[in-house]
Amino acid sequence: DNARNTLYLQMSSLKPEDTAMYYCAATTR
């Protein structure tokens, strides 16, 4: 959402193997 300067990750049907630290990242490349 560029207007809100926000990136989202919608996660469903989560599994134990999804357990982790989640990081947001960006690049101009």
PDB file of all heavy atoms in Angstrom:
ATOM      1  N   ASP A   1       0.862  -1.172   0.000  1.00  0.00           N
ATOM      2  CA  ASP A   1       0.000   0.000   0.000  1.00  0.00           C
ATOM      3  C   ASP A   1       0.902   1.226   0.000  1.00  0.00           C
ATOM      4  O   ASP A   1       1.400   1.646   1.043  1.00  0.00           O
ATOM      5  CB  ASP A   1      -0.924  -0.004   1.215  1.00  0.00           C
ATOM      6  CG  ASP A   1      -1.961   1.102   1.154  1.00  0.00           C
ATOM      7  OD1 ASP A   1      -1.742   2.114   0.473  1.00  0.00           O
ATOM      8  OD2 ASP A   1      -3.014   0.946   1.806  1.00  0.00           O
ATOM      9  N   ASN A   2       1.127   1.800  -1.172  1.00  0.00           N
ATOM     10  CA  ASN A   2       2.031   2.938  -1.285  1.00  0.00           C
ATOM     11  C   ASN A   2       1.517   4.163  -0.524  1.00  0.00           C
ATOM     12  O   ASN A   2       2.308   4.927   0.030  1.00  0.00           O
ATOM     13  CB  ASN A   2       2.256   3.297  -2.749  1.00  0.00           C
ATOM     14  CG  ASN A   2       3.106   2.285  -3.485  1.00  0.00           C
ATOM     15  OD1 ASN A   2       3.751   1.433  -2.881  1.00  0.00           O
ATOM     16  ND2 ASN A   2       3.105   2.368  -4.809  1.00  0.00           N
ATOM     17  N   ALA A   3       0.215   4.359  -0.512  1.00  0.00           N
ATOM     18  CA  ALA A   3      -0.360   5.514   0.163  1.00  0.00           C
ATOM     19  C   ALA A   3      -0.093   5.483   1.659  1.00  0.00           C
ATOM     20  O   ALA A   3       0.072   6.531   2.286  1.00  0.00           O
ATOM     21  CB  ALA A   3      -1.857   5.593  -0.110  1.00  0.00           C
ATOM     22  N   ARG A   4      -0.064   4.302   2.241  1.00  0.00           N
ATOM     23  CA  ARG A   4       0.192   4.142   3.670  1.00  0.00           C
ATOM     24  C   ARG A   4       1.650   3.796   3.970  1.00  0.00           C
ATOM     25  O   ARG A   4       1.996   3.608   5.134  1.00  0.00           O
ATOM     26  CB  ARG A   4      -0.716   3.066   4.252  1.00  0.00           C
ATOM     27  CG  ARG A   4      -2.186   3.421   4.249  1.00  0.00           C
ATOM     28  CD  ARG A   4      -3.027   2.313   4.852  1.00  0.00           C
ATOM     29  NE  ARG A   4      -4.438   2.659   4.894  1.00  0.00           N
ATOM     30  CZ  ARG A   4      -5.028   3.289   5.889  1.00  0.00           C
ATOM     31  NH1 ARG A   4      -4.327   3.647   6.960  1.00  0.00           N
ATOM     32  NH2 ARG A   4      -6.316   3.566   5.839  1.00  0.00           N
ATOM     33  N   ASN A   5       2.468   3.707   2.937  1.00  0.00           N
ATOM     34  CA  ASN A   5       3.872   3.325   3.099  1.00  0.00           C
ATOM     35  C   ASN A   5       4.009   2.033   3.897  1.00  0.00           C
ATOM     36  O   ASN A   5       4.868   1.911   4.776  1.00  0.00           O
ATOM     37  CB  ASN A   5       4.673   4.449   3.762  1.00  0.00           C
ATOM     38  CG  ASN A   5       4.875   5.642   2.849  1.00  0.00           C
ATOM     39  OD1 ASN A   5       4.998   5.488   1.631  1.00  0.00           O
ATOM     40  ND2 ASN A   5       4.920   6.826   3.420  1.00  0.00           N
ATOM     41  N   THR A   6       3.170   1.070   3.560  1.00  0.00           N
ATOM     42  CA  THR A   6       3.112  -0.163   4.330  1.00  0.00           C
ATOM     43  C   THR A   6       3.116  -1.379   3.413  1.00  0.00           C
ATOM     44  O   THR A   6       2.416  -1.406   2.397  1.00  0.00           O
ATOM     45  CB  THR A   6       1.868  -0.199   5.222  1.00  0.00           C
ATOM     46  OG1 THR A   6       1.874   0.947   6.082  1.00  0.00           O
ATOM     47  CG2 THR A   6       1.849  -1.452   6.078  1.00  0.00           C
ATOM     48  N   LEU A   7       3.895  -2.359   3.790  1.00  0.00           N
ATOM     49  CA  LEU A   7       3.931  -3.660   3.137  1.00  0.00           C
ATOM     50  C   LEU A   7       3.292  -4.678   4.068  1.00  0.00           C
ATOM     51  O   LEU A   7       3.544  -4.668   5.272  1.00  0.00           O
ATOM     52  CB  LEU A   7       5.375  -4.061   2.833  1.00  0.00           C
ATOM     53  CG  LEU A   7       5.582  -5.367   2.083  1.00  0.00           C
ATOM     54  CD1 LEU A   7       5.214  -5.205   0.611  1.00  0.00           C
ATOM     55  CD2 LEU A   7       7.028  -5.843   2.228  1.00  0.00           C
ATOM     56  N   TYR A   8       2.489  -5.571   3.518  1.00  0.00           N
ATOM     57  CA  TYR A   8       1.787  -6.571   4.314  1.00  0.00           C
ATOM     58  C   TYR A   8       2.155  -7.981   3.860  1.00  0.00           C
ATOM     59  O   TYR A   8       2.485  -8.219   2.705  1.00  0.00           O
ATOM     60  CB  TYR A   8       0.271  -6.416   4.183  1.00  0.00           C
ATOM     61  CG  TYR A   8      -0.262  -5.080   4.607  1.00  0.00           C
ATOM     62  CD1 TYR A   8      -0.494  -4.077   3.670  1.00  0.00           C
ATOM     63  CD2 TYR A   8      -0.540  -4.812   5.941  1.00  0.00           C
ATOM     64  CE1 TYR A   8      -0.991  -2.848   4.048  1.00  0.00           C
ATOM     65  CE2 TYR A   8      -1.036  -3.586   6.326  1.00  0.00           C
ATOM     66  CZ  TYR A   8      -1.263  -2.607   5.383  1.00  0.00           C
ATOM     67  OH  TYR A   8      -1.758  -1.388   5.759  1.00  0.00           O
ATOM     68  N   LEU A   9       2.051  -8.899   4.792  1.00  0.00           N
ATOM     69  CA  LEU A   9       2.119 -10.316   4.479  1.00  0.00           C
ATOM     70  C   LEU A   9       0.954 -11.001   5.179  1.00  0.00           C
ATOM     71  O   LEU A   9       0.929 -11.098   6.405  1.00  0.00           O
ATOM     72  CB  LEU A   9       3.450 -10.937   4.928  1.00  0.00           C
ATOM     73  CG  LEU A   9       3.634 -12.404   4.548  1.00  0.00           C
ATOM     74  CD1 LEU A   9       3.750 -12.557   3.029  1.00  0.00           C
ATOM     75  CD2 LEU A   9       4.862 -13.001   5.238  1.00  0.00           C
ATOM     76  N   GLN A  10       0.001 -11.447   4.399  1.00  0.00           N
ATOM     77  CA  GLN A  10      -1.154 -12.166   4.915  1.00  0.00           C
ATOM     78  C   GLN A  10      -0.835 -13.655   4.896  1.00  0.00           C
ATOM     79  O   GLN A  10      -0.550 -14.217   3.841  1.00  0.00           O
ATOM     80  CB  GLN A  10      -2.391 -11.851   4.076  1.00  0.00           C
ATOM     81  CG  GLN A  10      -2.780 -10.383   4.084  1.00  0.00           C
ATOM     82  CD  GLN A  10      -3.888 -10.055   3.106  1.00  0.00           C
ATOM     83  OE1 GLN A  10      -4.050 -10.709   2.081  1.00  0.00           O
ATOM     84  NE2 GLN A  10      -4.657  -9.018   3.427  1.00  0.00           N
ATOM     85  N   MET A  11      -0.895 -14.278   6.048  1.00  0.00           N
ATOM     86  CA  MET A  11      -0.518 -15.674   6.195  1.00  0.00           C
ATOM     87  C   MET A  11      -1.712 -16.478   6.691  1.00  0.00           C
ATOM     88  O   MET A  11      -2.330 -16.125   7.694  1.00  0.00           O
ATOM     89  CB  MET A  11       0.651 -15.824   7.169  1.00  0.00           C
ATOM     90  CG  MET A  11       1.863 -14.977   6.806  1.00  0.00           C
ATOM     91  SD  MET A  11       3.256 -15.265   7.924  1.00  0.00           S
ATOM     92  CE  MET A  11       2.575 -14.622   9.451  1.00  0.00           C
ATOM     93  N   SER A  12      -2.016 -17.548   6.009  1.00  0.00           N
ATOM     94  CA  SER A  12      -3.096 -18.436   6.399  1.00  0.00           C
ATOM     95  C   SER A  12      -2.616 -19.877   6.342  1.00  0.00           C
ATOM     96  O   SER A  12      -1.550 -20.169   5.806  1.00  0.00           O
ATOM     97  CB  SER A  12      -4.317 -18.236   5.502  1.00  0.00           C
ATOM     98  OG  SER A  12      -4.021 -18.571   4.158  1.00  0.00           O
ATOM     99  N   SER A  13      -3.430 -20.770   6.902  1.00  0.00           N
ATOM    100  CA  SER A  13      -3.076 -22.187   6.949  1.00  0.00           C
ATOM    101  C   SER A  13      -1.660 -22.386   7.475  1.00  0.00           C
ATOM    102  O   SER A  13      -0.867 -23.156   6.923  1.00  0.00           O
ATOM    103  CB  SER A  13      -3.228 -22.825   5.564  1.00  0.00           C
ATOM    104  OG  SER A  13      -4.550 -22.685   5.077  1.00  0.00           O
ATOM    105  N   LEU A  14      -1.356 -21.695   8.542  1.00  0.00           N
ATOM    106  CA  LEU A  14      -0.001 -21.720   9.080  1.00  0.00           C
ATOM    107  C   LEU A  14       0.373 -23.102   9.595  1.00  0.00           C
ATOM    108  O   LEU A  14      -0.464 -23.838  10.124  1.00  0.00           O
ATOM    109  CB  LEU A  14       0.145 -20.687  10.185  1.00  0.00           C
ATOM    110  CG  LEU A  14       0.253 -19.243   9.686  1.00  0.00           C
ATOM    111  CD1 LEU A  14      -0.037 -18.260  10.807  1.00  0.00           C
ATOM    112  CD2 LEU A  14       1.641 -18.995   9.100  1.00  0.00           C
ATOM    113  N   LYS A  15       1.639 -23.425   9.423  1.00  0.00           N
ATOM    114  CA  LYS A  15       2.198 -24.701   9.838  1.00  0.00           C
ATOM    115  C   LYS A  15       3.328 -24.460  10.833  1.00  0.00           C
ATOM    116  O   LYS A  15       3.944 -23.403  10.829  1.00  0.00           O
ATOM    117  CB  LYS A  15       2.747 -25.461   8.627  1.00  0.00           C
ATOM    118  CG  LYS A  15       1.756 -25.663   7.495  1.00  0.00           C
ATOM    119  CD  LYS A  15       2.439 -26.295   6.293  1.00  0.00           C
ATOM    120  CE  LYS A  15       1.464 -26.492   5.149  1.00  0.00           C
ATOM    121  NZ  LYS A  15       2.123 -27.100   3.961  1.00  0.00           N
ATOM    122  N   PRO A  16       3.620 -25.449  11.670  1.00  0.00           N
ATOM    123  CA  PRO A  16       4.740 -25.283  12.600  1.00  0.00           C
ATOM    124  C   PRO A  16       6.051 -24.922  11.903  1.00  0.00           C
ATOM    125  O   PRO A  16       6.852 -24.171  12.470  1.00  0.00           O
ATOM    126  CB  PRO A  16       4.830 -26.655  13.277  1.00  0.00           C
ATOM    127  CG  PRO A  16       3.426 -27.156  13.249  1.00  0.00           C
ATOM    128  CD  PRO A  16       2.873 -26.691  11.933  1.00  0.00           C
ATOM    129  N   GLU A  17       6.271 -25.408  10.704  1.00  0.00           N
ATOM    130  CA  GLU A  17       7.491 -25.095   9.979  1.00  0.00           C
ATOM    131  C   GLU A  17       7.559 -23.652   9.496  1.00  0.00           C
ATOM    132  O   GLU A  17       8.595 -23.214   8.989  1.00  0.00           O
ATOM    133  CB  GLU A  17       7.701 -26.053   8.795  1.00  0.00           C
ATOM    134  CG  GLU A  17       6.488 -26.204   7.901  1.00  0.00           C
ATOM    135  CD  GLU A  17       5.664 -27.436   8.227  1.00  0.00           C
ATOM    136  OE1 GLU A  17       5.409 -27.689   9.419  1.00  0.00           O
ATOM    137  OE2 GLU A  17       5.282 -28.159   7.283  1.00  0.00           O
ATOM    138  N   ASP A  18       6.469 -22.893   9.640  1.00  0.00           N
ATOM    139  CA  ASP A  18       6.487 -21.467   9.348  1.00  0.00           C
ATOM    140  C   ASP A  18       7.070 -20.657  10.499  1.00  0.00           C
ATOM    141  O   ASP A  18       7.280 -19.445  10.351  1.00  0.00           O
ATOM    142  CB  ASP A  18       5.077 -20.957   9.047  1.00  0.00           C
ATOM    143  CG  ASP A  18       4.498 -21.546   7.772  1.00  0.00           C
ATOM    144  OD1 ASP A  18       5.236 -21.662   6.774  1.00  0.00           O
ATOM    145  OD2 ASP A  18       3.299 -21.879   7.776  1.00  0.00           O
ATOM    146  N   THR A  19       7.299 -21.284  11.630  1.00  0.00           N
ATOM    147  CA  THR A  19       7.853 -20.596  12.788  1.00  0.00           C
ATOM    148  C   THR A  19       9.219 -20.010  12.459  1.00  0.00           C
ATOM    149  O   THR A  19      10.124 -20.723  12.026  1.00  0.00           O
ATOM    150  CB  THR A  19       7.967 -21.552  13.973  1.00  0.00           C
ATOM    151  OG1 THR A  19       6.660 -21.976  14.363  1.00  0.00           O
ATOM    152  CG2 THR A  19       8.650 -20.875  15.155  1.00  0.00           C
ATOM    153  N   ALA A  20       9.367 -18.701  12.660  1.00  0.00           N
ATOM    154  CA  ALA A  20      10.610 -18.013  12.330  1.00  0.00           C
ATOM    155  C   ALA A  20      10.492 -16.544  12.711  1.00  0.00           C
ATOM    156  O   ALA A  20       9.405 -16.051  13.030  1.00  0.00           O
ATOM    157  CB  ALA A  20      10.915 -18.125  10.832  1.00  0.00           C
ATOM    158  N   MET A  21      11.623 -15.854  12.660  1.00  0.00           N
ATOM    159  CA  MET A  21      11.624 -14.407  12.701  1.00  0.00           C
ATOM    160  C   MET A  21      11.407 -13.915  11.275  1.00  0.00           C
ATOM    161  O   MET A  21      12.133 -14.326  10.362  1.00  0.00           O
ATOM    162  CB  MET A  21      12.934 -13.876  13.263  1.00  0.00           C
ATOM    163  CG  MET A  21      12.983 -12.371  13.425  1.00  0.00           C
ATOM    164  SD  MET A  21      11.965 -11.766  14.799  1.00  0.00           S
ATOM    165  CE  MET A  21      12.993 -12.248  16.196  1.00  0.00           C
ATOM    166  N   TYR A  22      10.433 -13.057  11.088  1.00  0.00           N
ATOM    167  CA  TYR A  22      10.104 -12.543   9.769  1.00  0.00           C
ATOM    168  C   TYR A  22      10.603 -11.115   9.613  1.00  0.00           C
ATOM    169  O   TYR A  22      10.356 -10.266  10.472  1.00  0.00           O
ATOM    170  CB  TYR A  22       8.593 -12.596   9.538  1.00  0.00           C
ATOM    171  CG  TYR A  22       8.100 -13.983   9.213  1.00  0.00           C
ATOM    172  CD1 TYR A  22       8.057 -14.969  10.188  1.00  0.00           C
ATOM    173  CD2 TYR A  22       7.695 -14.317   7.919  1.00  0.00           C
ATOM    174  CE1 TYR A  22       7.629 -16.248   9.896  1.00  0.00           C
ATOM    175  CE2 TYR A  22       7.259 -15.591   7.620  1.00  0.00           C
ATOM    176  CZ  TYR A  22       7.227 -16.556   8.610  1.00  0.00           C
ATOM    177  OH  TYR A  22       6.793 -17.823   8.307  1.00  0.00           O
ATOM    178  N   TYR A  23      11.284 -10.855   8.503  1.00  0.00           N
ATOM    179  CA  TYR A  23      11.897  -9.568   8.238  1.00  0.00           C
ATOM    180  C   TYR A  23      11.319  -8.933   6.979  1.00  0.00           C
ATOM    181  O   TYR A  23      11.105  -9.617   5.972  1.00  0.00           O
ATOM    182  CB  TYR A  23      13.408  -9.705   8.046  1.00  0.00           C
ATOM    183  CG  TYR A  23      14.147 -10.237   9.243  1.00  0.00           C
ATOM    184  CD1 TYR A  23      14.344 -11.599   9.408  1.00  0.00           C
ATOM    185  CD2 TYR A  23      14.652  -9.374  10.209  1.00  0.00           C
ATOM    186  CE1 TYR A  23      15.026 -12.097  10.502  1.00  0.00           C
ATOM    187  CE2 TYR A  23      15.336  -9.861  11.303  1.00  0.00           C
ATOM    188  CZ  TYR A  23      15.523 -11.221  11.445  1.00  0.00           C
ATOM    189  OH  TYR A  23      16.202 -11.718  12.525  1.00  0.00           O
ATOM    190  N   CYS A  24      11.107  -7.652   7.050  1.00  0.00           N
ATOM    191  CA  CYS A  24      10.732  -6.852   5.902  1.00  0.00           C
ATOM    192  C   CYS A  24      11.998  -6.264   5.292  1.00  0.00           C
ATOM    193  O   CYS A  24      12.923  -5.881   6.007  1.00  0.00           O
ATOM    194  CB  CYS A  24       9.783  -5.741   6.340  1.00  0.00           C
ATOM    195  SG  CYS A  24       9.321  -4.563   5.063  1.00  0.00           S
ATOM    196  N   ALA A  25      12.054  -6.192   3.967  1.00  0.00           N
ATOM    197  CA  ALA A  25      13.230  -5.666   3.298  1.00  0.00           C
ATOM    198  C   ALA A  25      12.840  -4.903   2.039  1.00  0.00           C
ATOM    199  O   ALA A  25      11.771  -5.125   1.470  1.00  0.00           O
ATOM    200  CB  ALA A  25      14.193  -6.801   2.939  1.00  0.00           C
ATOM    201  N   ALA A  26      13.740  -4.023   1.600  1.00  0.00           N
ATOM    202  CA  ALA A  26      13.484  -3.204   0.420  1.00  0.00           C
ATOM    203  C   ALA A  26      14.778  -2.938  -0.320  1.00  0.00           C
ATOM    204  O   ALA A  26      15.866  -2.994   0.255  1.00  0.00           O
ATOM    205  CB  ALA A  26      12.825  -1.888   0.820  1.00  0.00           C
ATOM    206  N   THR A  27      14.652  -2.623  -1.611  1.00  0.00           N
ATOM    207  CA  THR A  27      15.811  -2.306  -2.424  1.00  0.00           C
ATOM    208  C   THR A  27      15.412  -1.406  -3.580  1.00  0.00           C
ATOM    209  O   THR A  27      14.276  -1.462  -4.055  1.00  0.00           O
ATOM    210  CB  THR A  27      16.489  -3.580  -2.956  1.00  0.00           C
ATOM    211  OG1 THR A  27      17.672  -3.220  -3.683  1.00  0.00           O
ATOM    212  CG2 THR A  27      15.561  -4.341  -3.895  1.00  0.00           C
ATOM    213  N   THR A  28      16.349  -0.580  -4.002  1.00  0.00           N
ATOM    214  CA  THR A  28      16.164   0.217  -5.204  1.00  0.00           C
ATOM    215  C   THR A  28      16.788  -0.466  -6.414  1.00  0.00           C
ATOM    216  O   THR A  28      16.695   0.049  -7.523  1.00  0.00           O
ATOM    217  CB  THR A  28      16.778   1.613  -5.041  1.00  0.00           C
ATOM    218  OG1 THR A  28      18.165   1.498  -4.689  1.00  0.00           O
ATOM    219  CG2 THR A  28      16.053   2.396  -3.959  1.00  0.00           C
ATOM    220  N   ARG A  29      17.409  -1.596  -6.199  1.00  0.00           N
ATOM    221  CA  ARG A  29      18.021  -2.371  -7.265  1.00  0.00           C
ATOM    222  C   ARG A  29      16.970  -3.212  -7.978  1.00  0.00           C
ATOM    223  O   ARG A  29      15.830  -3.325  -7.532  1.00  0.00           O
ATOM    224  CB  ARG A  29      19.132  -3.253  -6.695  1.00  0.00           C
ATOM    225  CG  ARG A  29      20.215  -2.472  -5.981  1.00  0.00           C
ATOM    226  CD  ARG A  29      21.135  -3.352  -5.186  1.00  0.00           C
ATOM    227  NE  ARG A  29      21.896  -4.259  -6.039  1.00  0.00           N
ATOM    228  CZ  ARG A  29      22.837  -5.089  -5.595  1.00  0.00           C
ATOM    229  NH1 ARG A  29      23.131  -5.115  -4.301  1.00  0.00           N
ATOM    230  NH2 ARG A  29      23.467  -5.884  -6.439  1.00  0.00           N
TER     231      ARG A  29
END
